[in-house]
Amino acid sequence: MTTTNKHYLAGFYAVRKDIQGMGFEAARDKFNMDNPQGYDNSFSSMDAYQYAKGGIEALVKSIPSKEIV
């Protein structure tokens, strides 16, 4: 993580907490419900955008790896 934006960090740690509490799939689904794609991709503010951006990074860093046999 290379940013110190407080909204970005808040989003990152909120999604990390969701992942730890409910698992990756449920946290991903919750994030997608809160940030639907294709319907209205605009954010109410730059702070909201940074929060979502932090959440995305938390999800990406937590993608379960599939073991190749």
N, C-alpha and C. Protein backbone atom coordinates (compact mmCIF):
# COMPACT_ATOMS: atom_id res chain seq x y z
N MET A 1 0.86 -1.17 0.00
CA MET A 1 0.00 0.00 0.00
C MET A 1 0.90 1.23 0.00
N THR A 2 0.66 2.11 -0.94
CA THR A 2 1.57 3.25 -1.11
C THR A 2 0.90 4.59 -0.85
N THR A 3 -0.27 4.59 -0.23
CA THR A 3 -0.95 5.85 -0.01
C THR A 3 -1.16 6.09 1.48
N THR A 4 -1.31 7.36 1.82
CA THR A 4 -1.61 7.70 3.21
C THR A 4 -2.92 8.47 3.30
N ASN A 5 -3.69 8.48 2.22
CA ASN A 5 -4.99 9.15 2.24
C ASN A 5 -5.88 8.48 3.30
N LYS A 6 -6.41 9.27 4.22
CA LYS A 6 -7.16 8.69 5.34
C LYS A 6 -8.43 7.97 4.89
N HIS A 7 -9.05 8.40 3.83
CA HIS A 7 -10.26 7.74 3.35
C HIS A 7 -9.91 6.42 2.65
N TYR A 8 -8.83 6.42 1.92
CA TYR A 8 -8.33 5.21 1.29
C TYR A 8 -8.01 4.16 2.36
N LEU A 9 -7.28 4.58 3.37
CA LEU A 9 -6.91 3.66 4.45
C LEU A 9 -8.14 3.17 5.21
N ALA A 10 -9.11 4.04 5.42
CA ALA A 10 -10.34 3.64 6.11
C ALA A 10 -11.07 2.57 5.31
N GLY A 11 -11.15 2.74 4.00
CA GLY A 11 -11.79 1.74 3.14
C GLY A 11 -11.02 0.43 3.14
N PHE A 12 -9.71 0.53 3.08
CA PHE A 12 -8.86 -0.66 3.08
C PHE A 12 -9.08 -1.48 4.35
N TYR A 13 -9.01 -0.82 5.50
CA TYR A 13 -9.13 -1.54 6.76
C TYR A 13 -10.56 -1.99 7.04
N ALA A 14 -11.55 -1.28 6.54
CA ALA A 14 -12.94 -1.71 6.71
C ALA A 14 -13.19 -3.01 5.95
N VAL A 15 -12.68 -3.09 4.74
CA VAL A 15 -12.88 -4.31 3.94
C VAL A 15 -12.04 -5.45 4.51
N ARG A 16 -10.84 -5.16 4.98
CA ARG A 16 -10.03 -6.20 5.63
C ARG A 16 -10.77 -6.79 6.83
N LYS A 17 -11.42 -5.93 7.60
CA LYS A 17 -12.20 -6.39 8.75
C LYS A 17 -13.37 -7.26 8.28
N ASP A 18 -14.04 -6.84 7.21
CA ASP A 18 -15.13 -7.65 6.65
C ASP A 18 -14.62 -9.01 6.20
N ILE A 19 -13.48 -9.05 5.54
CA ILE A 19 -12.91 -10.31 5.07
C ILE A 19 -12.61 -11.23 6.24
N GLN A 20 -12.04 -10.68 7.30
CA GLN A 20 -11.72 -11.49 8.47
C GLN A 20 -12.98 -11.98 9.17
N GLY A 21 -14.00 -11.17 9.17
CA GLY A 21 -15.22 -11.52 9.89
C GLY A 21 -16.18 -12.41 9.13
N MET A 22 -16.29 -12.21 7.82
CA MET A 22 -17.31 -12.96 7.07
C MET A 22 -16.74 -13.77 5.92
N GLY A 23 -15.46 -13.68 5.68
CA GLY A 23 -14.85 -14.43 4.58
C GLY A 23 -14.76 -13.60 3.32
N PHE A 24 -13.89 -14.04 2.42
CA PHE A 24 -13.62 -13.28 1.21
C PHE A 24 -14.85 -13.11 0.34
N GLU A 25 -15.56 -14.20 0.05
CA GLU A 25 -16.69 -14.13 -0.89
C GLU A 25 -17.78 -13.20 -0.39
N ALA A 26 -18.13 -13.30 0.89
CA ALA A 26 -19.17 -12.45 1.45
C ALA A 26 -18.73 -10.98 1.46
N ALA A 27 -17.47 -10.73 1.79
CA ALA A 27 -16.95 -9.36 1.79
C ALA A 27 -16.94 -8.78 0.38
N ARG A 28 -16.56 -9.61 -0.59
CA ARG A 28 -16.58 -9.17 -1.99
C ARG A 28 -18.00 -8.84 -2.44
N ASP A 29 -18.94 -9.71 -2.09
CA ASP A 29 -20.33 -9.48 -2.47
C ASP A 29 -20.88 -8.21 -1.81
N LYS A 30 -20.53 -7.99 -0.54
CA LYS A 30 -20.96 -6.78 0.17
C LYS A 30 -20.39 -5.54 -0.52
N PHE A 31 -19.10 -5.60 -0.87
CA PHE A 31 -18.48 -4.47 -1.55
C PHE A 31 -19.18 -4.18 -2.87
N ASN A 32 -19.48 -5.24 -3.62
CA ASN A 32 -20.14 -5.06 -4.92
C ASN A 32 -21.56 -4.51 -4.77
N MET A 33 -22.25 -4.87 -3.71
CA MET A 33 -23.58 -4.31 -3.48
C MET A 33 -23.49 -2.82 -3.11
N ASP A 34 -22.46 -2.47 -2.35
CA ASP A 34 -22.27 -1.07 -1.95
C ASP A 34 -21.74 -0.21 -3.09
N ASN A 35 -21.07 -0.83 -4.05
CA ASN A 35 -20.45 -0.12 -5.17
C ASN A 35 -20.83 -0.80 -6.48
N PRO A 36 -22.09 -0.74 -6.88
CA PRO A 36 -22.51 -1.46 -8.09
C PRO A 36 -21.85 -0.91 -9.35
N GLN A 37 -21.49 -1.81 -10.23
CA GLN A 37 -20.87 -1.42 -11.49
C GLN A 37 -21.92 -1.39 -12.59
N GLY A 38 -21.77 -0.48 -13.52
CA GLY A 38 -22.65 -0.42 -14.66
C GLY A 38 -23.92 0.37 -14.43
N TYR A 39 -24.31 0.58 -13.19
CA TYR A 39 -25.53 1.32 -12.91
C TYR A 39 -25.23 2.81 -12.81
N ASP A 40 -24.38 3.17 -11.91
CA ASP A 40 -23.98 4.57 -11.73
C ASP A 40 -22.56 4.55 -11.20
N ASN A 41 -21.60 4.72 -12.06
CA ASN A 41 -20.21 4.62 -11.66
C ASN A 41 -19.63 5.89 -11.06
N SER A 42 -20.48 6.86 -10.78
CA SER A 42 -19.97 8.09 -10.19
C SER A 42 -20.00 7.99 -8.67
N PHE A 43 -19.10 8.69 -8.04
CA PHE A 43 -19.03 8.73 -6.58
C PHE A 43 -19.49 10.10 -6.11
N SER A 44 -20.02 10.15 -4.91
CA SER A 44 -20.54 11.41 -4.39
C SER A 44 -19.43 12.41 -4.08
N SER A 45 -18.22 11.92 -3.87
CA SER A 45 -17.10 12.81 -3.58
C SER A 45 -15.78 12.08 -3.84
N MET A 46 -14.71 12.81 -3.84
CA MET A 46 -13.40 12.20 -3.99
C MET A 46 -13.09 11.34 -2.76
N ASP A 47 -13.59 11.72 -1.60
CA ASP A 47 -13.39 10.91 -0.40
C ASP A 47 -14.05 9.54 -0.56
N ALA A 48 -15.26 9.51 -1.12
CA ALA A 48 -15.96 8.24 -1.36
C ALA A 48 -15.20 7.39 -2.37
N TYR A 49 -14.65 8.02 -3.38
CA TYR A 49 -13.84 7.32 -4.38
C TYR A 49 -12.61 6.70 -3.73
N GLN A 50 -11.92 7.46 -2.90
CA GLN A 50 -10.71 6.95 -2.24
C GLN A 50 -11.06 5.80 -1.29
N TYR A 51 -12.20 5.89 -0.60
CA TYR A 51 -12.65 4.83 0.29
C TYR A 51 -12.86 3.54 -0.50
N ALA A 52 -13.56 3.65 -1.62
CA ALA A 52 -13.81 2.47 -2.46
C ALA A 52 -12.51 1.92 -3.05
N LYS A 53 -11.61 2.81 -3.43
CA LYS A 53 -10.33 2.39 -3.98
C LYS A 53 -9.53 1.59 -2.94
N GLY A 54 -9.57 2.01 -1.70
CA GLY A 54 -8.92 1.26 -0.62
C GLY A 54 -9.56 -0.10 -0.41
N GLY A 55 -10.88 -0.14 -0.51
CA GLY A 55 -11.59 -1.40 -0.37
C GLY A 55 -11.22 -2.38 -1.47
N ILE A 56 -11.11 -1.89 -2.69
CA ILE A 56 -10.70 -2.74 -3.82
C ILE A 56 -9.32 -3.33 -3.58
N GLU A 57 -8.40 -2.50 -3.09
CA GLU A 57 -7.04 -3.02 -2.86
C GLU A 57 -7.07 -4.11 -1.79
N ALA A 58 -7.87 -3.93 -0.76
CA ALA A 58 -7.97 -4.96 0.28
C ALA A 58 -8.49 -6.27 -0.31
N LEU A 59 -9.48 -6.17 -1.19
CA LEU A 59 -10.00 -7.38 -1.83
C LEU A 59 -8.95 -8.03 -2.73
N VAL A 60 -8.29 -7.24 -3.53
CA VAL A 60 -7.28 -7.78 -4.46
C VAL A 60 -6.16 -8.47 -3.69
N LYS A 61 -5.71 -7.86 -2.60
CA LYS A 61 -4.62 -8.45 -1.83
C LYS A 61 -5.06 -9.70 -1.09
N SER A 62 -6.37 -9.94 -0.99
CA SER A 62 -6.87 -11.08 -0.26
C SER A 62 -7.49 -12.15 -1.15
N ILE A 63 -7.31 -12.05 -2.45
CA ILE A 63 -7.88 -13.05 -3.36
C ILE A 63 -7.30 -14.40 -3.00
N PRO A 64 -8.20 -15.36 -2.72
CA PRO A 64 -7.70 -16.69 -2.39
C PRO A 64 -6.93 -17.29 -3.56
N SER A 65 -5.77 -17.81 -3.28
CA SER A 65 -4.98 -18.42 -4.36
C SER A 65 -5.47 -19.83 -4.60
N LYS A 66 -5.50 -20.22 -5.83
CA LYS A 66 -5.89 -21.58 -6.21
C LYS A 66 -4.62 -22.38 -6.44
N GLU A 67 -4.52 -23.49 -5.75
CA GLU A 67 -3.34 -24.33 -5.91
C GLU A 67 -3.46 -25.12 -7.22
N ILE A 68 -2.46 -25.03 -8.05
CA ILE A 68 -2.44 -25.76 -9.32
C ILE A 68 -1.82 -27.12 -9.06
N VAL A 69 -2.53 -28.13 -9.44
CA VAL A 69 -2.04 -29.51 -9.21
C VAL A 69 -1.40 -30.03 -10.46
